[in-house]
Full PDB file with SEQRES, HELIX, SHEET, SSBOND, CRYST1, ORIGX, SCALE, CONECT and MASTER records, all heavy atoms in Angstrom:
SEQRES   1 A   36  ILE LEU PHE ASN LEU PRO ALA GLU LYS LEU ASP GLU ALA          
SEQRES   2 A   36  ALA ARG ILE ILE GLY GLY MET LYS SER PRO THR VAL THR          
SEQRES   3 A   36  PRO LEU MET ASP LYS SER TRP LEU SER VAL                      
HELIX    1 AA1 ALA A    7  LYS A    9  5                                   3    
HELIX    2 AA2 LEU A   10  ILE A   17  1                                   8    
SHEET    1 AA1 3 ASN A   4  PRO A   6  0                                        
SHEET    2 AA1 3 TRP A  33  SER A  35 -1                                        
SHEET    3 AA1 3 THR A  26  PRO A  27 -1                                        
CRYST1    1.000    1.000    1.000  90.00  90.00  90.00 P 1           1          
ORIGX1      1.000000  0.000000  0.000000        0.00000                         
ORIGX2      0.000000  1.000000  0.000000        0.00000                         
ORIGX3      0.000000  0.000000  1.000000        0.00000                         
SCALE1      1.000000  0.000000  0.000000        0.00000                         
SCALE2      0.000000  1.000000  0.000000        0.00000                         
SCALE3      0.000000  0.000000  1.000000        0.00000                         
ATOM      1  N   ILE A   1    -116.026 -94.851 -17.615  1.00  0.00           N  
ATOM      2  CA  ILE A   1    -117.525 -94.867 -17.743  1.00  0.00           C  
ATOM      3  C   ILE A   1    -117.898 -93.538 -18.125  1.00  0.00           C  
ATOM      4  O   ILE A   1    -117.386 -92.483 -17.814  1.00  0.00           O  
ATOM      5  CB  ILE A   1    -118.212 -95.285 -16.370  1.00  0.00           C  
ATOM      6  CG1 ILE A   1    -117.761 -94.361 -15.219  1.00  0.00           C  
ATOM      7  CG2 ILE A   1    -117.815 -96.705 -15.998  1.00  0.00           C  
ATOM      8  CD1 ILE A   1    -118.435 -94.523 -13.941  1.00  0.00           C  
ATOM      9  N   LEU A   2    -119.082 -93.531 -18.894  1.00  0.00           N  
ATOM     10  CA  LEU A   2    -119.739 -92.296 -19.410  1.00  0.00           C  
ATOM     11  C   LEU A   2    -121.249 -92.482 -19.251  1.00  0.00           C  
ATOM     12  O   LEU A   2    -121.696 -93.636 -19.687  1.00  0.00           O  
ATOM     13  CB  LEU A   2    -119.290 -92.052 -20.874  1.00  0.00           C  
ATOM     14  CG  LEU A   2    -119.756 -90.711 -21.491  1.00  0.00           C  
ATOM     15  CD1 LEU A   2    -118.811 -90.242 -22.592  1.00  0.00           C  
ATOM     16  CD2 LEU A   2    -121.160 -90.861 -22.079  1.00  0.00           C  
ATOM     17  N   PHE A   3    -121.957 -91.539 -18.576  1.00  0.00           N  
ATOM     18  CA  PHE A   3    -123.374 -91.688 -18.486  1.00  0.00           C  
ATOM     19  C   PHE A   3    -124.018 -90.250 -18.408  1.00  0.00           C  
ATOM     20  O   PHE A   3    -123.396 -89.281 -18.185  1.00  0.00           O  
ATOM     21  CB  PHE A   3    -123.623 -92.477 -17.132  1.00  0.00           C  
ATOM     22  CG  PHE A   3    -122.964 -91.821 -15.967  1.00  0.00           C  
ATOM     23  CD1 PHE A   3    -123.670 -90.944 -15.124  1.00  0.00           C  
ATOM     24  CD2 PHE A   3    -121.640 -92.233 -15.619  1.00  0.00           C  
ATOM     25  CE1 PHE A   3    -123.031 -90.408 -13.994  1.00  0.00           C  
ATOM     26  CE2 PHE A   3    -121.037 -91.757 -14.486  1.00  0.00           C  
ATOM     27  CZ  PHE A   3    -121.782 -90.765 -13.639  1.00  0.00           C  
ATOM     28  N   ASN A   4    -125.371 -90.376 -18.655  1.00  0.00           N  
ATOM     29  CA  ASN A   4    -126.151 -89.198 -18.447  1.00  0.00           C  
ATOM     30  C   ASN A   4    -126.761 -89.164 -17.121  1.00  0.00           C  
ATOM     31  O   ASN A   4    -127.165 -90.157 -16.599  1.00  0.00           O  
ATOM     32  CB  ASN A   4    -127.223 -89.137 -19.565  1.00  0.00           C  
ATOM     33  CG  ASN A   4    -126.636 -89.041 -20.951  1.00  0.00           C  
ATOM     34  OD1 ASN A   4    -125.625 -88.441 -21.078  1.00  0.00           O  
ATOM     35  ND2 ASN A   4    -127.399 -89.459 -21.962  1.00  0.00           N  
ATOM     36  N   LEU A   5    -126.954 -88.022 -16.564  1.00  0.00           N  
ATOM     37  CA  LEU A   5    -127.355 -87.849 -15.128  1.00  0.00           C  
ATOM     38  C   LEU A   5    -128.238 -86.516 -14.889  1.00  0.00           C  
ATOM     39  O   LEU A   5    -127.816 -85.474 -15.446  1.00  0.00           O  
ATOM     40  CB  LEU A   5    -126.097 -87.792 -14.222  1.00  0.00           C  
ATOM     41  CG  LEU A   5    -126.334 -87.625 -12.721  1.00  0.00           C  
ATOM     42  CD1 LEU A   5    -126.672 -89.143 -12.215  1.00  0.00           C  
ATOM     43  CD2 LEU A   5    -125.024 -87.204 -11.967  1.00  0.00           C  
ATOM     44  N   PRO A   6    -129.284 -86.682 -14.109  1.00  0.00           N  
ATOM     45  CA  PRO A   6    -129.983 -85.407 -13.757  1.00  0.00           C  
ATOM     46  C   PRO A   6    -128.977 -84.459 -12.995  1.00  0.00           C  
ATOM     47  O   PRO A   6    -128.166 -84.901 -12.187  1.00  0.00           O  
ATOM     48  CB  PRO A   6    -131.049 -85.950 -12.755  1.00  0.00           C  
ATOM     49  CG  PRO A   6    -131.259 -87.371 -13.171  1.00  0.00           C  
ATOM     50  CD  PRO A   6    -129.950 -87.901 -13.627  1.00  0.00           C  
ATOM     51  N   ALA A   7    -128.968 -83.146 -13.452  1.00  0.00           N  
ATOM     52  CA  ALA A   7    -128.031 -82.289 -12.922  1.00  0.00           C  
ATOM     53  C   ALA A   7    -128.008 -82.145 -11.422  1.00  0.00           C  
ATOM     54  O   ALA A   7    -126.916 -82.034 -10.797  1.00  0.00           O  
ATOM     55  CB  ALA A   7    -128.258 -80.898 -13.442  1.00  0.00           C  
ATOM     56  N   GLU A   8    -129.222 -82.289 -10.693  1.00  0.00           N  
ATOM     57  CA  GLU A   8    -129.241 -82.146  -9.317  1.00  0.00           C  
ATOM     58  C   GLU A   8    -128.573 -83.397  -8.547  1.00  0.00           C  
ATOM     59  O   GLU A   8    -128.390 -83.321  -7.386  1.00  0.00           O  
ATOM     60  CB  GLU A   8    -130.638 -81.943  -8.776  1.00  0.00           C  
ATOM     61  CG  GLU A   8    -131.511 -83.193  -8.858  1.00  0.00           C  
ATOM     62  CD  GLU A   8    -132.262 -83.295 -10.229  1.00  0.00           C  
ATOM     63  OE1 GLU A   8    -131.797 -82.558 -11.264  1.00  0.00           O  
ATOM     64  OE2 GLU A   8    -133.120 -84.114 -10.337  1.00  0.00           O  
ATOM     65  N   LYS A   9    -128.239 -84.392  -9.274  1.00  0.00           N  
ATOM     66  CA  LYS A   9    -127.646 -85.624  -8.708  1.00  0.00           C  
ATOM     67  C   LYS A   9    -126.075 -85.594  -8.802  1.00  0.00           C  
ATOM     68  O   LYS A   9    -125.509 -86.632  -8.519  1.00  0.00           O  
ATOM     69  CB  LYS A   9    -128.185 -86.843  -9.373  1.00  0.00           C  
ATOM     70  CG  LYS A   9    -129.743 -87.010  -9.125  1.00  0.00           C  
ATOM     71  CD  LYS A   9    -130.079 -87.267  -7.746  1.00  0.00           C  
ATOM     72  CE  LYS A   9    -131.578 -87.634  -7.552  1.00  0.00           C  
ATOM     73  NZ  LYS A   9    -131.969 -87.885  -6.185  1.00  0.00           N  
ATOM     74  N   LEU A  10    -125.505 -84.589  -9.356  1.00  0.00           N  
ATOM     75  CA  LEU A  10    -124.002 -84.617  -9.582  1.00  0.00           C  
ATOM     76  C   LEU A  10    -123.274 -84.807  -8.338  1.00  0.00           C  
ATOM     77  O   LEU A  10    -122.287 -85.563  -8.349  1.00  0.00           O  
ATOM     78  CB  LEU A  10    -123.649 -83.213 -10.328  1.00  0.00           C  
ATOM     79  CG  LEU A  10    -122.090 -83.094 -10.693  1.00  0.00           C  
ATOM     80  CD1 LEU A  10    -121.774 -84.256 -11.557  1.00  0.00           C  
ATOM     81  CD2 LEU A  10    -121.911 -81.785 -11.257  1.00  0.00           C  
ATOM     82  N   ASP A  11    -123.493 -84.130  -7.275  1.00  0.00           N  
ATOM     83  CA  ASP A  11    -122.823 -84.289  -6.109  1.00  0.00           C  
ATOM     84  C   ASP A  11    -122.827 -85.740  -5.593  1.00  0.00           C  
ATOM     85  O   ASP A  11    -121.827 -86.287  -5.106  1.00  0.00           O  
ATOM     86  CB  ASP A  11    -123.275 -83.339  -4.950  1.00  0.00           C  
ATOM     87  CG  ASP A  11    -122.812 -81.851  -5.213  1.00  0.00           C  
ATOM     88  OD1 ASP A  11    -122.005 -81.683  -6.141  1.00  0.00           O  
ATOM     89  OD2 ASP A  11    -123.464 -80.941  -4.668  1.00  0.00           O  
ATOM     90  N   GLU A  12    -124.066 -86.292  -5.648  1.00  0.00           N  
ATOM     91  CA  GLU A  12    -124.195 -87.723  -5.247  1.00  0.00           C  
ATOM     92  C   GLU A  12    -123.325 -88.605  -6.103  1.00  0.00           C  
ATOM     93  O   GLU A  12    -122.615 -89.553  -5.680  1.00  0.00           O  
ATOM     94  CB  GLU A  12    -125.640 -88.177  -5.316  1.00  0.00           C  
ATOM     95  CG  GLU A  12    -126.512 -87.511  -4.181  1.00  0.00           C  
ATOM     96  CD  GLU A  12    -127.904 -88.069  -4.312  1.00  0.00           C  
ATOM     97  OE1 GLU A  12    -128.053 -89.328  -4.173  1.00  0.00           O  
ATOM     98  OE2 GLU A  12    -128.855 -87.248  -4.507  1.00  0.00           O  
ATOM     99  N   ALA A  13    -123.293 -88.373  -7.416  1.00  0.00           N  
ATOM    100  CA  ALA A  13    -122.589 -89.200  -8.359  1.00  0.00           C  
ATOM    101  C   ALA A  13    -121.084 -89.115  -8.125  1.00  0.00           C  
ATOM    102  O   ALA A  13    -120.320 -90.106  -8.084  1.00  0.00           O  
ATOM    103  CB  ALA A  13    -122.919 -88.781  -9.831  1.00  0.00           C  
ATOM    104  N   ALA A  14    -120.635 -87.866  -7.809  1.00  0.00           N  
ATOM    105  CA  ALA A  14    -119.180 -87.707  -7.511  1.00  0.00           C  
ATOM    106  C   ALA A  14    -118.769 -88.548  -6.276  1.00  0.00           C  
ATOM    107  O   ALA A  14    -117.617 -89.069  -6.193  1.00  0.00           O  
ATOM    108  CB  ALA A  14    -118.888 -86.251  -7.254  1.00  0.00           C  
ATOM    109  N   ARG A  15    -119.653 -88.558  -5.272  1.00  0.00           N  
ATOM    110  CA  ARG A  15    -119.282 -89.330  -4.084  1.00  0.00           C  
ATOM    111  C   ARG A  15    -119.288 -90.877  -4.273  1.00  0.00           C  
ATOM    112  O   ARG A  15    -118.457 -91.549  -3.823  1.00  0.00           O  
ATOM    113  CB  ARG A  15    -120.356 -89.028  -2.902  1.00  0.00           C  
ATOM    114  CG  ARG A  15    -120.126 -87.691  -2.354  1.00  0.00           C  
ATOM    115  CD  ARG A  15    -120.941 -87.599  -0.859  1.00  0.00           C  
ATOM    116  NE  ARG A  15    -122.410 -87.595  -1.232  1.00  0.00           N  
ATOM    117  CZ  ARG A  15    -123.117 -86.489  -1.487  1.00  0.00           C  
ATOM    118  NH1 ARG A  15    -122.572 -85.346  -1.447  1.00  0.00           N  
ATOM    119  NH2 ARG A  15    -124.463 -86.587  -1.608  1.00  0.00           N  
ATOM    120  N   ILE A  16    -120.218 -91.286  -5.212  1.00  0.00           N  
ATOM    121  CA  ILE A  16    -120.235 -92.673  -5.584  1.00  0.00           C  
ATOM    122  C   ILE A  16    -119.004 -93.125  -6.294  1.00  0.00           C  
ATOM    123  O   ILE A  16    -118.399 -94.148  -6.070  1.00  0.00           O  
ATOM    124  CB  ILE A  16    -121.532 -92.957  -6.393  1.00  0.00           C  
ATOM    125  CG1 ILE A  16    -122.784 -92.801  -5.600  1.00  0.00           C  
ATOM    126  CG2 ILE A  16    -121.463 -94.438  -7.027  1.00  0.00           C  
ATOM    127  CD1 ILE A  16    -124.062 -92.823  -6.334  1.00  0.00           C  
ATOM    128  N   ILE A  17    -118.630 -92.291  -7.267  1.00  0.00           N  
ATOM    129  CA  ILE A  17    -117.426 -92.634  -8.135  1.00  0.00           C  
ATOM    130  C   ILE A  17    -116.140 -92.572  -7.338  1.00  0.00           C  
ATOM    131  O   ILE A  17    -115.351 -93.504  -7.374  1.00  0.00           O  
ATOM    132  CB  ILE A  17    -117.409 -91.609  -9.348  1.00  0.00           C  
ATOM    133  CG1 ILE A  17    -118.619 -91.797 -10.169  1.00  0.00           C  
ATOM    134  CG2 ILE A  17    -116.118 -91.848 -10.118  1.00  0.00           C  
ATOM    135  CD1 ILE A  17    -118.743 -90.716 -11.385  1.00  0.00           C  
ATOM    136  N   GLY A  18    -115.878 -91.476  -6.615  1.00  0.00           N  
ATOM    137  CA  GLY A  18    -114.757 -91.314  -5.820  1.00  0.00           C  
ATOM    138  C   GLY A  18    -113.509 -91.474  -6.729  1.00  0.00           C  
ATOM    139  O   GLY A  18    -113.471 -91.230  -7.870  1.00  0.00           O  
ATOM    140  N   GLY A  19    -112.352 -91.880  -6.019  1.00  0.00           N  
ATOM    141  CA  GLY A  19    -111.148 -92.170  -6.715  1.00  0.00           C  
ATOM    142  C   GLY A  19    -110.431 -91.018  -7.417  1.00  0.00           C  
ATOM    143  O   GLY A  19    -109.760 -90.288  -6.692  1.00  0.00           O  
ATOM    144  N   MET A  20    -110.622 -90.775  -8.652  1.00  0.00           N  
ATOM    145  CA  MET A  20    -109.888 -89.781  -9.318  1.00  0.00           C  
ATOM    146  C   MET A  20    -110.318 -88.353  -8.919  1.00  0.00           C  
ATOM    147  O   MET A  20    -111.359 -88.230  -8.271  1.00  0.00           O  
ATOM    148  CB  MET A  20    -110.118 -89.862 -10.901  1.00  0.00           C  
ATOM    149  CG  MET A  20    -109.548 -91.216 -11.418  1.00  0.00           C  
ATOM    150  SD  MET A  20    -109.332 -91.275 -13.187  1.00  0.00           S  
ATOM    151  CE  MET A  20    -108.013 -90.219 -13.472  1.00  0.00           C  
ATOM    152  N   LYS A  21    -109.505 -87.329  -9.220  1.00  0.00           N  
ATOM    153  CA  LYS A  21    -109.778 -85.984  -8.657  1.00  0.00           C  
ATOM    154  C   LYS A  21    -111.136 -85.386  -8.856  1.00  0.00           C  
ATOM    155  O   LYS A  21    -111.736 -85.001  -7.900  1.00  0.00           O  
ATOM    156  CB  LYS A  21    -108.712 -85.002  -9.243  1.00  0.00           C  
ATOM    157  CG  LYS A  21    -107.318 -85.349  -8.798  1.00  0.00           C  
ATOM    158  CD  LYS A  21    -106.292 -84.322  -9.427  1.00  0.00           C  
ATOM    159  CE  LYS A  21    -104.828 -84.639  -9.012  1.00  0.00           C  
ATOM    160  NZ  LYS A  21    -103.910 -83.715  -9.645  1.00  0.00           N  
ATOM    161  N   SER A  22    -111.609 -85.540 -10.048  1.00  0.00           N  
ATOM    162  CA  SER A  22    -112.988 -85.035 -10.375  1.00  0.00           C  
ATOM    163  C   SER A  22    -113.403 -85.493 -11.691  1.00  0.00           C  
ATOM    164  O   SER A  22    -112.763 -85.715 -12.588  1.00  0.00           O  
ATOM    165  CB  SER A  22    -112.899 -83.500 -10.340  1.00  0.00           C  
ATOM    166  OG  SER A  22    -114.133 -82.943 -10.750  1.00  0.00           O  
ATOM    167  N   PRO A  23    -114.775 -85.918 -11.757  1.00  0.00           N  
ATOM    168  CA  PRO A  23    -115.302 -86.406 -13.079  1.00  0.00           C  
ATOM    169  C   PRO A  23    -115.365 -85.300 -14.059  1.00  0.00           C  
ATOM    170  O   PRO A  23    -115.381 -84.103 -13.645  1.00  0.00           O  
ATOM    171  CB  PRO A  23    -116.684 -86.890 -12.627  1.00  0.00           C  
ATOM    172  CG  PRO A  23    -117.041 -86.148 -11.476  1.00  0.00           C  
ATOM    173  CD  PRO A  23    -115.793 -85.978 -10.681  1.00  0.00           C  
ATOM    174  N   THR A  24    -115.370 -85.608 -15.284  1.00  0.00           N  
ATOM    175  CA  THR A  24    -115.599 -84.566 -16.330  1.00  0.00           C  
ATOM    176  C   THR A  24    -117.062 -84.484 -16.544  1.00  0.00           C  
ATOM    177  O   THR A  24    -117.760 -85.426 -16.801  1.00  0.00           O  
ATOM    178  CB  THR A  24    -114.876 -85.040 -17.676  1.00  0.00           C  
ATOM    179  OG1 THR A  24    -113.398 -85.199 -17.428  1.00  0.00           O  
ATOM    180  CG2 THR A  24    -115.039 -84.095 -18.747  1.00  0.00           C  
ATOM    181  N   VAL A  25    -117.549 -83.287 -16.583  1.00  0.00           N  
ATOM    182  CA  VAL A  25    -118.964 -82.904 -16.605  1.00  0.00           C  
ATOM    183  C   VAL A  25    -119.212 -82.069 -17.891  1.00  0.00           C  
ATOM    184  O   VAL A  25    -118.594 -81.039 -18.126  1.00  0.00           O  
ATOM    185  CB  VAL A  25    -119.478 -82.267 -15.417  1.00  0.00           C  
ATOM    186  CG1 VAL A  25    -120.979 -81.932 -15.612  1.00  0.00           C  
ATOM    187  CG2 VAL A  25    -119.195 -83.144 -14.176  1.00  0.00           C  
ATOM    188  N   THR A  26    -120.211 -82.451 -18.750  1.00  0.00           N  
ATOM    189  CA  THR A  26    -120.550 -81.769 -19.970  1.00  0.00           C  
ATOM    190  C   THR A  26    -121.978 -81.444 -19.977  1.00  0.00           C  
ATOM    191  O   THR A  26    -122.827 -82.367 -19.802  1.00  0.00           O  
ATOM    192  CB  THR A  26    -120.158 -82.454 -21.255  1.00  0.00           C  
ATOM    193  OG1 THR A  26    -118.790 -82.842 -21.191  1.00  0.00           O  
ATOM    194  CG2 THR A  26    -120.379 -81.635 -22.456  1.00  0.00           C  
ATOM    195  N   PRO A  27    -122.457 -80.175 -20.144  1.00  0.00           N  
ATOM    196  CA  PRO A  27    -123.883 -79.906 -20.132  1.00  0.00           C  
ATOM    197  C   PRO A  27    -124.532 -80.506 -21.466  1.00  0.00           C  
ATOM    198  O   PRO A  27    -123.841 -80.676 -22.572  1.00  0.00           O  
ATOM    199  CB  PRO A  27    -123.925 -78.405 -20.274  1.00  0.00           C  
ATOM    200  CG  PRO A  27    -122.640 -77.883 -19.755  1.00  0.00           C  
ATOM    201  CD  PRO A  27    -121.628 -78.969 -20.140  1.00  0.00           C  
ATOM    202  N   LEU A  28    -125.764 -80.955 -21.357  1.00  0.00           N  
ATOM    203  CA  LEU A  28    -126.466 -81.491 -22.537  1.00  0.00           C  
ATOM    204  C   LEU A  28    -127.473 -80.329 -22.953  1.00  0.00           C  
ATOM    205  O   LEU A  28    -127.597 -79.339 -22.358  1.00  0.00           O  
ATOM    206  CB  LEU A  28    -127.215 -82.725 -22.157  1.00  0.00           C  
ATOM    207  CG  LEU A  28    -126.404 -83.919 -21.664  1.00  0.00           C  
ATOM    208  CD1 LEU A  28    -127.266 -85.089 -21.371  1.00  0.00           C  
ATOM    209  CD2 LEU A  28    -125.376 -84.264 -22.758  1.00  0.00           C  
ATOM    210  N   MET A  29    -128.037 -80.661 -24.067  1.00  0.00           N  
ATOM    211  CA  MET A  29    -129.019 -79.689 -24.645  1.00  0.00           C  
ATOM    212  C   MET A  29    -130.192 -79.452 -23.713  1.00  0.00           C  
ATOM    213  O   MET A  29    -130.619 -78.298 -23.505  1.00  0.00           O  
ATOM    214  CB  MET A  29    -129.559 -80.087 -26.119  1.00  0.00           C  
ATOM    215  CG  MET A  29    -130.532 -79.167 -26.688  1.00  0.00           C  
ATOM    216  SD  MET A  29    -130.991 -79.761 -28.465  1.00  0.00           S  
ATOM    217  CE  MET A  29    -129.344 -79.523 -29.233  1.00  0.00           C  
ATOM    218  N   ASP A  30    -130.602 -80.503 -23.078  1.00  0.00           N  
ATOM    219  CA  ASP A  30    -131.541 -80.327 -21.970  1.00  0.00           C  
ATOM    220  C   ASP A  30    -130.804 -79.895 -20.699  1.00  0.00           C  
ATOM    221  O   ASP A  30    -130.089 -80.803 -20.135  1.00  0.00           O  
ATOM    222  CB  ASP A  30    -132.239 -81.697 -21.837  1.00  0.00           C  
ATOM    223  CG  ASP A  30    -133.334 -81.703 -20.678  1.00  0.00           C  
ATOM    224  OD1 ASP A  30    -133.308 -80.716 -19.845  1.00  0.00           O  
ATOM    225  OD2 ASP A  30    -134.119 -82.570 -20.608  1.00  0.00           O  
ATOM    226  N   LYS A  31    -130.879 -78.717 -20.268  1.00  0.00           N  
ATOM    227  CA  LYS A  31    -130.097 -78.198 -19.201  1.00  0.00           C  
ATOM    228  C   LYS A  31    -130.301 -78.827 -17.958  1.00  0.00           C  
ATOM    229  O   LYS A  31    -129.491 -78.710 -17.050  1.00  0.00           O  
ATOM    230  CB  LYS A  31    -130.446 -76.665 -19.104  1.00  0.00           C  
ATOM    231  CG  LYS A  31    -130.157 -75.870 -20.368  1.00  0.00           C  
ATOM    232  CD  LYS A  31    -128.695 -76.082 -20.768  1.00  0.00           C  
ATOM    233  CE  LYS A  31    -128.446 -75.084 -21.997  1.00  0.00           C  
ATOM    234  NZ  LYS A  31    -127.080 -75.216 -22.488  1.00  0.00           N  
ATOM    235  N   SER A  32    -131.296 -79.663 -17.779  1.00  0.00           N  
ATOM    236  CA  SER A  32    -131.621 -80.399 -16.490  1.00  0.00           C  
ATOM    237  C   SER A  32    -130.774 -81.673 -16.481  1.00  0.00           C  
ATOM    238  O   SER A  32    -130.763 -82.350 -15.453  1.00  0.00           O  
ATOM    239  CB  SER A  32    -132.997 -80.705 -16.356  1.00  0.00           C  
ATOM    240  OG  SER A  32    -133.480 -81.680 -17.332  1.00  0.00           O  
ATOM    241  N   TRP A  33    -130.017 -82.043 -17.556  1.00  0.00           N  
ATOM    242  CA  TRP A  33    -129.239 -83.188 -17.598  1.00  0.00           C  
ATOM    243  C   TRP A  33    -127.709 -82.933 -17.971  1.00  0.00           C  
ATOM    244  O   TRP A  33    -127.435 -81.812 -18.493  1.00  0.00           O  
ATOM    245  CB  TRP A  33    -129.708 -84.096 -18.635  1.00  0.00           C  
ATOM    246  CG  TRP A  33    -130.961 -84.858 -18.320  1.00  0.00           C  
ATOM    247  CD1 TRP A  33    -132.178 -84.480 -18.142  1.00  0.00           C  
ATOM    248  CD2 TRP A  33    -131.064 -86.238 -17.760  1.00  0.00           C  
ATOM    249  NE1 TRP A  33    -133.110 -85.318 -17.720  1.00  0.00           N  
ATOM    250  CE2 TRP A  33    -132.439 -86.442 -17.444  1.00  0.00           C  
ATOM    251  CE3 TRP A  33    -130.063 -87.236 -17.525  1.00  0.00           C  
ATOM    252  CZ2 TRP A  33    -132.912 -87.718 -16.950  1.00  0.00           C  
ATOM    253  CZ3 TRP A  33    -130.566 -88.488 -17.044  1.00  0.00           C  
ATOM    254  CH2 TRP A  33    -131.948 -88.693 -16.793  1.00  0.00           C  
ATOM    255  N   LEU A  34    -126.891 -83.728 -17.379  1.00  0.00           N  
ATOM    256  CA  LEU A  34    -125.409 -83.670 -17.694  1.00  0.00           C  
ATOM    257  C   LEU A  34    -124.909 -84.985 -18.228  1.00  0.00           C  
ATOM    258  O   LEU A  34    -125.423 -86.044 -18.009  1.00  0.00           O  
ATOM    259  CB  LEU A  34    -124.762 -83.262 -16.396  1.00  0.00           C  
ATOM    260  CG  LEU A  34    -125.034 -82.095 -15.611  1.00  0.00           C  
ATOM    261  CD1 LEU A  34    -124.487 -81.974 -14.262  1.00  0.00           C  
ATOM    262  CD2 LEU A  34    -124.696 -80.894 -16.411  1.00  0.00           C  
ATOM    263  N   SER A  35    -123.748 -84.855 -18.920  1.00  0.00           N  
ATOM    264  CA  SER A  35    -122.968 -85.999 -19.344  1.00  0.00           C  
ATOM    265  C   SER A  35    -121.781 -86.075 -18.431  1.00  0.00           C  
ATOM    266  O   SER A  35    -121.063 -85.139 -18.320  1.00  0.00           O  
ATOM    267  CB  SER A  35    -122.583 -85.941 -20.835  1.00  0.00           C  
ATOM    268  OG  SER A  35    -121.701 -87.064 -21.131  1.00  0.00           O  
ATOM    269  N   VAL A  36    -121.626 -87.266 -17.857  1.00  0.00           N  
ATOM    270  CA  VAL A  36    -120.444 -87.344 -16.808  1.00  0.00           C  
ATOM    271  C   VAL A  36    -119.520 -88.413 -17.277  1.00  0.00           C  
ATOM    272  O   VAL A  36    -119.932 -89.506 -17.721  1.00  0.00           O  
ATOM    273  CB  VAL A  36    -121.034 -87.763 -15.490  1.00  0.00           C  
ATOM    274  CG1 VAL A  36    -119.883 -87.833 -14.481  1.00  0.00           C  
ATOM    275  CG2 VAL A  36    -121.967 -86.617 -15.009  1.00  0.00           C  
TER     276      VAL A  36                                                      
MASTER        0    0    0    2    3    0    0    6  275    1    0    3          
END                                                                             
């Protein structure tokens, strides 16, 4: 899965996903958003 996410929600998203060691996170041009 690949999705865009508000940066402040990253910790919540990581808890939801679980499983693998850590999601891959890439900053977007809009610094308030991330690609996960």
